[in-house]
Amino acid sequence: MTKADFISLVAQTAGLTKKDATTATDAVISTITDV
């Protein structure tokens, strides 16, 4: 699964736009890698 596939799945599951899903996904990944 690519990042784009994951973002599409997040958008579909959460009812978000792909732009919003990208923002949310990037925030989660950034938070995890900072810990």
N, C-alpha and C. Protein backbone atom coordinates (compact mmCIF):
# COMPACT_ATOMS: atom_id res chain seq x y z
N MET A 1 0.85 -1.18 0.00
CA MET A 1 0.00 0.00 0.00
C MET A 1 0.89 1.24 0.00
N THR A 2 0.61 2.13 -0.91
CA THR A 2 1.37 3.38 -0.97
C THR A 2 0.73 4.41 -0.05
N LYS A 3 1.45 5.51 0.17
CA LYS A 3 0.90 6.59 0.99
C LYS A 3 -0.37 7.13 0.35
N ALA A 4 -0.38 7.25 -0.97
CA ALA A 4 -1.56 7.74 -1.68
C ALA A 4 -2.75 6.80 -1.49
N ASP A 5 -2.50 5.50 -1.52
CA ASP A 5 -3.56 4.52 -1.27
C ASP A 5 -4.12 4.69 0.14
N PHE A 6 -3.20 4.85 1.10
CA PHE A 6 -3.61 5.02 2.50
C PHE A 6 -4.45 6.28 2.67
N ILE A 7 -4.00 7.37 2.07
CA ILE A 7 -4.74 8.64 2.17
C ILE A 7 -6.13 8.50 1.56
N SER A 8 -6.24 7.83 0.44
CA SER A 8 -7.55 7.61 -0.19
C SER A 8 -8.46 6.80 0.72
N LEU A 9 -7.91 5.79 1.37
CA LEU A 9 -8.70 4.97 2.28
C LEU A 9 -9.14 5.77 3.50
N VAL A 10 -8.25 6.58 4.05
CA VAL A 10 -8.60 7.44 5.19
C VAL A 10 -9.71 8.40 4.78
N ALA A 11 -9.57 9.02 3.62
CA ALA A 11 -10.58 9.96 3.14
C ALA A 11 -11.94 9.29 3.00
N GLN A 12 -11.95 8.11 2.41
CA GLN A 12 -13.20 7.39 2.20
C GLN A 12 -13.81 6.96 3.53
N THR A 13 -13.01 6.43 4.42
CA THR A 13 -13.51 5.91 5.69
C THR A 13 -14.03 7.02 6.60
N ALA A 14 -13.31 8.15 6.63
CA ALA A 14 -13.66 9.23 7.55
C ALA A 14 -14.58 10.27 6.91
N GLY A 15 -14.86 10.13 5.63
CA GLY A 15 -15.70 11.11 4.96
C GLY A 15 -15.01 12.45 4.79
N LEU A 16 -13.70 12.41 4.56
CA LEU A 16 -12.91 13.63 4.38
C LEU A 16 -12.55 13.81 2.91
N THR A 17 -12.16 15.04 2.57
CA THR A 17 -11.59 15.25 1.25
C THR A 17 -10.18 14.67 1.27
N LYS A 18 -9.64 14.43 0.09
CA LYS A 18 -8.27 13.91 0.04
C LYS A 18 -7.29 14.92 0.61
N LYS A 19 -7.57 16.21 0.43
CA LYS A 19 -6.70 17.26 0.98
C LYS A 19 -6.70 17.19 2.51
N ASP A 20 -7.88 17.07 3.11
CA ASP A 20 -7.97 16.98 4.57
C ASP A 20 -7.36 15.68 5.08
N ALA A 21 -7.57 14.60 4.37
CA ALA A 21 -6.99 13.32 4.76
C ALA A 21 -5.47 13.37 4.67
N THR A 22 -4.95 14.07 3.67
CA THR A 22 -3.50 14.23 3.55
C THR A 22 -2.95 15.02 4.73
N THR A 23 -3.61 16.10 5.09
CA THR A 23 -3.19 16.91 6.23
C THR A 23 -3.19 16.08 7.51
N ALA A 24 -4.25 15.33 7.73
CA ALA A 24 -4.35 14.50 8.93
C ALA A 24 -3.30 13.40 8.94
N THR A 25 -3.11 12.74 7.82
CA THR A 25 -2.13 11.67 7.73
C THR A 25 -0.72 12.19 7.96
N ASP A 26 -0.40 13.32 7.34
CA ASP A 26 0.93 13.91 7.54
C ASP A 26 1.15 14.29 9.00
N ALA A 27 0.12 14.80 9.66
CA ALA A 27 0.24 15.17 11.07
C ALA A 27 0.49 13.94 11.94
N VAL A 28 -0.22 12.86 11.67
CA VAL A 28 -0.04 11.63 12.45
C VAL A 28 1.35 11.06 12.23
N ILE A 29 1.79 10.99 10.99
CA ILE A 29 3.12 10.45 10.70
C ILE A 29 4.20 11.31 11.34
N SER A 30 4.05 12.61 11.26
CA SER A 30 5.02 13.53 11.86
C SER A 30 5.07 13.35 13.37
N THR A 31 3.92 13.21 14.00
CA THR A 31 3.87 13.02 15.45
C THR A 31 4.52 11.70 15.85
N ILE A 32 4.25 10.65 15.12
CA ILE A 32 4.82 9.34 15.44
C ILE A 32 6.34 9.36 15.28
N THR A 33 6.83 9.98 14.23
CA THR A 33 8.28 9.98 14.00
C THR A 33 9.01 10.91 14.95
N ASP A 34 8.31 11.87 15.54
CA ASP A 34 8.93 12.78 16.51
C ASP A 34 9.06 12.16 17.89
N VAL A 35 8.29 11.13 18.16
CA VAL A 35 8.27 10.52 19.50
C VAL A 35 9.45 9.61 19.69
